[in-house]
Amino acid sequence: SKEKVEFLFSTVDAQMRLKFEEMYPKNFASKRALEVGEVGGFAALLFSLGLVKRRGIFSGPSQEKNFVAQQNDFAHIEAGSRCDVFLTFDKGASELAAASYTYAGFPTVAILLTKS
C-alpha cells in the first residue's frame, strides 16, 4: 500500500508532490501529534488522486448521497486509525484505509468482509 501512495504522488507535478510529501511524509503518524481529521483528509487526498475507482459522476443533485457516503468513509477511516482493526464490506473503503494506515504508520489492519 505504501507503493500505491508513492505511485499516486508520482503522478502529480514535482511542486505538488513535494507539498504532499511535506504534509504527509511516510510514517507521519509516528512523527508528530495529528490534528483531528488529518487521517480522513489524507484518505480524501488518496481518493481524489484515484486510489479507488469512482462510480458515476460526483456532481449534480443526484450524486449528493454518494458524496455524503464518501465523506462518511473518510470519517470512519479516521476513527479506525485508533483501533486494531478496521472492518468493512466496502472494497473501496478497505483499500483507502489500508493505504492510509500503512503509509501513515498505523498498526491498524483493514479487513474486507464478504457477504455469504
C-alpha atoms as a PDB file:
ATOM      1  CA  SER A   1       0.000   0.000   0.000  1.00  0.00           C
ATOM      2  CA  LYS A   2       2.914   2.385   0.569  1.00  0.00           C
ATOM      3  CA  GLU A   3       3.869   1.739  -3.037  1.00  0.00           C
ATOM      4  CA  LYS A   4       0.364   2.733  -4.178  1.00  0.00           C
ATOM      5  CA  VAL A   5       0.642   6.052  -2.350  1.00  0.00           C
ATOM      6  CA  GLU A   6       4.120   6.679  -3.731  1.00  0.00           C
ATOM      7  CA  PHE A   7       2.840   5.923  -7.240  1.00  0.00           C
ATOM      8  CA  LEU A   8      -0.084   8.346  -6.819  1.00  0.00           C
ATOM      9  CA  PHE A   9       2.284  11.055  -5.588  1.00  0.00           C
ATOM     10  CA  SER A  10       4.475  10.423  -8.662  1.00  0.00           C
ATOM     11  CA  THR A  11       1.572  11.255 -10.983  1.00  0.00           C
ATOM     12  CA  VAL A  12       1.433  14.926  -9.986  1.00  0.00           C
ATOM     13  CA  ASP A  13       3.894  17.677 -10.897  1.00  0.00           C
ATOM     14  CA  ALA A  14       7.084  17.993  -8.843  1.00  0.00           C
ATOM     15  CA  GLN A  15       5.962  21.038  -6.861  1.00  0.00           C
ATOM     16  CA  MET A  16       2.697  19.372  -5.823  1.00  0.00           C
ATOM     17  CA  ARG A  17       4.495  16.131  -4.974  1.00  0.00           C
ATOM     18  CA  LEU A  18       6.891  17.993  -2.664  1.00  0.00           C
ATOM     19  CA  LYS A  19       3.921  19.683  -0.978  1.00  0.00           C
ATOM     20  CA  PHE A  20       2.173  16.322  -0.453  1.00  0.00           C
ATOM     21  CA  GLU A  21       5.373  14.756   0.936  1.00  0.00           C
ATOM     22  CA  GLU A  22       5.865  17.743   3.242  1.00  0.00           C
ATOM     23  CA  MET A  23       2.293  17.485   4.543  1.00  0.00           C
ATOM     24  CA  TYR A  24       2.294  13.680   4.687  1.00  0.00           C
ATOM     25  CA  PRO A  25       5.797  12.205   4.954  1.00  0.00           C
ATOM     26  CA  LYS A  26       5.994   8.397   5.208  1.00  0.00           C
ATOM     27  CA  ASN A  27       5.008   7.261   8.711  1.00  0.00           C
ATOM     28  CA  PHE A  28       3.689  10.740   9.515  1.00  0.00           C
ATOM     29  CA  ALA A  29       1.536   9.352  12.345  1.00  0.00           C
ATOM     30  CA  SER A  30       4.657   8.462  14.330  1.00  0.00           C
ATOM     31  CA  LYS A  31       6.457  11.751  13.608  1.00  0.00           C
ATOM     32  CA  ARG A  32       4.008  14.270  15.074  1.00  0.00           C
ATOM     33  CA  ALA A  33       0.806  14.703  17.014  1.00  0.00           C
ATOM     34  CA  LEU A  34      -2.004  14.526  14.500  1.00  0.00           C
ATOM     35  CA  GLU A  35      -4.842  17.002  14.205  1.00  0.00           C
ATOM     36  CA  VAL A  36      -8.414  15.722  14.271  1.00  0.00           C
ATOM     37  CA  GLY A  37      -9.401  14.989  10.685  1.00  0.00           C
ATOM     38  CA  GLU A  38      -5.868  14.655   9.367  1.00  0.00           C
ATOM     39  CA  VAL A  39      -6.114  10.926   8.619  1.00  0.00           C
ATOM     40  CA  GLY A  40      -9.525  11.385   6.992  1.00  0.00           C
ATOM     41  CA  GLY A  41      -8.069  14.233   4.964  1.00  0.00           C
ATOM     42  CA  PHE A  42      -5.227  12.000   3.831  1.00  0.00           C
ATOM     43  CA  ALA A  43      -7.739   9.337   2.781  1.00  0.00           C
ATOM     44  CA  ALA A  44      -9.668  12.019   0.860  1.00  0.00           C
ATOM     45  CA  LEU A  45      -6.448  13.035  -0.895  1.00  0.00           C
ATOM     46  CA  LEU A  46      -5.796   9.437  -1.933  1.00  0.00           C
ATOM     47  CA  PHE A  47      -9.383   9.158  -3.163  1.00  0.00           C
ATOM     48  CA  SER A  48      -9.083  12.360  -5.193  1.00  0.00           C
ATOM     49  CA  LEU A  49      -5.828  11.110  -6.741  1.00  0.00           C
ATOM     50  CA  GLY A  50      -7.621   7.972  -7.909  1.00  0.00           C
ATOM     51  CA  LEU A  51      -6.626   5.244  -5.452  1.00  0.00           C
ATOM     52  CA  VAL A  52     -10.080   3.721  -5.820  1.00  0.00           C
ATOM     53  CA  LYS A  53     -12.337   3.854  -8.835  1.00  0.00           C
ATOM     54  CA  ARG A  54     -15.250   6.261  -8.569  1.00  0.00           C
ATOM     55  CA  ARG A  55     -18.649   5.035  -9.604  1.00  0.00           C
ATOM     56  CA  GLY A  56     -20.559   7.530 -11.688  1.00  0.00           C
ATOM     57  CA  ILE A  57     -20.107  11.282 -11.735  1.00  0.00           C
ATOM     58  CA  PHE A  58     -19.621  13.177  -8.481  1.00  0.00           C
ATOM     59  CA  SER A  59     -21.741  16.159  -9.465  1.00  0.00           C
ATOM     60  CA  GLY A  60     -25.363  17.186  -9.591  1.00  0.00           C
ATOM     61  CA  PRO A  61     -28.101  16.768  -7.010  1.00  0.00           C
ATOM     62  CA  SER A  62     -28.466  13.022  -7.611  1.00  0.00           C
ATOM     63  CA  GLN A  63     -24.865  12.486  -6.505  1.00  0.00           C
ATOM     64  CA  GLU A  64     -25.276  14.226  -3.130  1.00  0.00           C
ATOM     65  CA  LYS A  65     -25.944  10.863  -1.474  1.00  0.00           C
ATOM     66  CA  ASN A  66     -22.726   9.379  -2.929  1.00  0.00           C
ATOM     67  CA  PHE A  67     -20.725  12.401  -1.798  1.00  0.00           C
ATOM     68  CA  VAL A  68     -22.077  12.126   1.757  1.00  0.00           C
ATOM     69  CA  ALA A  69     -21.329   8.389   1.803  1.00  0.00           C
ATOM     70  CA  GLN A  70     -17.726   9.072   0.731  1.00  0.00           C
ATOM     71  CA  GLN A  71     -17.334  11.689   3.472  1.00  0.00           C
ATOM     72  CA  ASN A  72     -18.605   9.104   5.962  1.00  0.00           C
ATOM     73  CA  ASP A  73     -15.949   6.665   4.713  1.00  0.00           C
ATOM     74  CA  PHE A  74     -13.246   9.268   5.403  1.00  0.00           C
ATOM     75  CA  ALA A  75     -14.608   9.809   8.929  1.00  0.00           C
ATOM     76  CA  HIS A  76     -14.709   6.061   9.585  1.00  0.00           C
ATOM     77  CA  ILE A  77     -11.134   5.657   8.304  1.00  0.00           C
ATOM     78  CA  GLU A  78     -10.105   8.459  10.667  1.00  0.00           C
ATOM     79  CA  ALA A  79     -11.815   6.747  13.632  1.00  0.00           C
ATOM     80  CA  GLY A  80     -10.399   3.357  12.644  1.00  0.00           C
ATOM     81  CA  SER A  81      -6.846   4.694  12.879  1.00  0.00           C
ATOM     82  CA  ARG A  82      -7.232   4.463  16.661  1.00  0.00           C
ATOM     83  CA  CYS A  83      -8.270   0.784  16.520  1.00  0.00           C
ATOM     84  CA  ASP A  84      -6.529  -2.520  15.933  1.00  0.00           C
ATOM     85  CA  VAL A  85      -8.807  -3.499  13.058  1.00  0.00           C
ATOM     86  CA  PHE A  86     -10.951  -1.659  10.507  1.00  0.00           C
ATOM     87  CA  LEU A  87     -13.785  -3.912   9.259  1.00  0.00           C
ATOM     88  CA  THR A  88     -15.915  -3.085   6.230  1.00  0.00           C
ATOM     89  CA  PHE A  89     -17.941  -4.628   3.435  1.00  0.00           C
ATOM     90  CA  ASP A  90     -16.879  -1.744   1.148  1.00  0.00           C
ATOM     91  CA  LYS A  91     -13.914  -2.659  -1.067  1.00  0.00           C
ATOM     92  CA  GLY A  92     -13.048   0.963  -1.827  1.00  0.00           C
ATOM     93  CA  ALA A  93     -13.097   1.964   1.842  1.00  0.00           C
ATOM     94  CA  SER A  94     -10.949  -1.062   2.680  1.00  0.00           C
ATOM     95  CA  GLU A  95      -8.365  -0.082   0.061  1.00  0.00           C
ATOM     96  CA  LEU A  96      -8.340   3.558   1.194  1.00  0.00           C
ATOM     97  CA  ALA A  97      -7.998   2.517   4.831  1.00  0.00           C
ATOM     98  CA  ALA A  98      -5.200   0.026   4.142  1.00  0.00           C
ATOM     99  CA  ALA A  99      -3.196   2.545   2.108  1.00  0.00           C
ATOM    100  CA  SER A 100      -3.798   5.334   4.636  1.00  0.00           C
ATOM    101  CA  TYR A 101      -2.824   3.233   7.654  1.00  0.00           C
ATOM    102  CA  THR A 102       0.225   1.626   6.055  1.00  0.00           C
ATOM    103  CA  TYR A 103       1.661   4.847   4.656  1.00  0.00           C
ATOM    104  CA  ALA A 104       0.918   6.845   7.821  1.00  0.00           C
ATOM    105  CA  GLY A 105       2.483   4.166  10.025  1.00  0.00           C
ATOM    106  CA  PHE A 106      -0.562   2.957  11.945  1.00  0.00           C
ATOM    107  CA  PRO A 107      -0.693  -0.690  13.046  1.00  0.00           C
ATOM    108  CA  THR A 108      -4.418  -0.820  12.160  1.00  0.00           C
ATOM    109  CA  VAL A 109      -5.286  -3.654   9.767  1.00  0.00           C
ATOM    110  CA  ALA A 110      -8.070  -3.106   7.214  1.00  0.00           C
ATOM    111  CA  ILE A 111     -10.163  -6.225   6.617  1.00  0.00           C
ATOM    112  CA  LEU A 112     -12.658  -6.547   3.794  1.00  0.00           C
ATOM    113  CA  LEU A 113     -15.656  -8.626   4.826  1.00  0.00           C
ATOM    114  CA  THR A 114     -17.718 -10.594   2.338  1.00  0.00           C
ATOM    115  CA  LYS A 115     -21.376 -11.448   2.496  1.00  0.00           C
ATOM    116  CA  SER A 116     -22.153 -15.143   2.372  1.00  0.00           C
END
